[in-house]
Amino acid sequence: MLNYEEELKKFKPSLDVENVEDAIKNQDLTDLVDLFREMELNQKKSESVKKES
């Protein structure tokens, strides 16, 4: 049977996971809010072009 207390004492986080976490945090990722803002901006531009015509 597993002794969970002993296993937890042996636990060491994977270095790969820590490196990936840092890389993700330092990256400029586009999220849905950014996409919606860009869509709104494009829509406003297209509406202003239609009004000028």
Protein backbone atom coordinates (compact mmCIF):
# COMPACT_ATOMS: atom_id res chain seq x y z
CA MET A 1 0.00 0.00 0.00
CA LEU A 2 1.20 3.53 -0.76
CA ASN A 3 2.25 5.82 2.02
CA TYR A 4 1.12 9.19 0.68
CA GLU A 5 3.04 11.20 3.26
CA GLU A 6 6.32 9.58 2.22
CA GLU A 7 5.54 10.00 -1.47
CA LEU A 8 4.78 13.69 -0.98
CA LYS A 9 8.11 14.19 0.76
CA LYS A 10 9.87 12.73 -2.32
CA PHE A 11 7.95 14.93 -4.76
CA LYS A 12 9.97 17.36 -6.87
CA PRO A 13 8.27 19.44 -9.57
CA SER A 14 9.33 18.76 -13.11
CA LEU A 15 11.70 21.38 -14.49
CA ASP A 16 9.99 21.15 -17.87
CA VAL A 17 6.69 22.27 -16.36
CA GLU A 18 8.30 25.25 -14.66
CA ASN A 19 10.05 26.29 -17.89
CA VAL A 20 6.83 26.02 -19.88
CA GLU A 21 4.96 28.05 -17.27
CA ASP A 22 7.53 30.87 -17.49
CA ALA A 23 7.47 30.81 -21.29
CA ILE A 24 3.68 31.08 -21.36
CA LYS A 25 3.62 33.94 -18.84
CA ASN A 26 6.25 35.90 -20.79
CA GLN A 27 4.53 35.46 -24.15
CA ASP A 28 2.09 37.99 -25.54
CA LEU A 29 -0.90 35.79 -26.27
CA THR A 30 -4.01 36.94 -28.11
CA ASP A 31 -7.15 36.10 -26.20
CA LEU A 32 -10.84 36.39 -27.03
CA VAL A 33 -11.06 39.94 -25.69
CA ASP A 34 -8.30 41.02 -28.09
CA LEU A 35 -10.12 39.35 -30.98
CA PHE A 36 -13.42 41.03 -30.09
CA ARG A 37 -11.73 44.44 -29.86
CA GLU A 38 -10.15 43.94 -33.28
CA MET A 39 -13.50 42.87 -34.77
CA GLU A 40 -15.19 45.93 -33.29
CA LEU A 41 -12.48 48.23 -34.65
CA ASN A 42 -12.79 46.69 -38.12
CA GLN A 43 -16.56 47.06 -38.02
CA LYS A 44 -16.32 50.74 -37.04
CA LYS A 45 -13.83 51.38 -39.85
CA SER A 46 -16.07 49.70 -42.40
CA GLU A 47 -19.13 51.68 -41.18
CA SER A 48 -17.25 54.96 -41.45
CA VAL A 49 -16.15 54.10 -45.01
CA LYS A 50 -19.78 53.33 -45.95
CA LYS A 51 -20.98 56.65 -44.52
CA GLU A 52 -18.38 58.56 -46.54
CA SER A 53 -19.53 56.95 -49.80
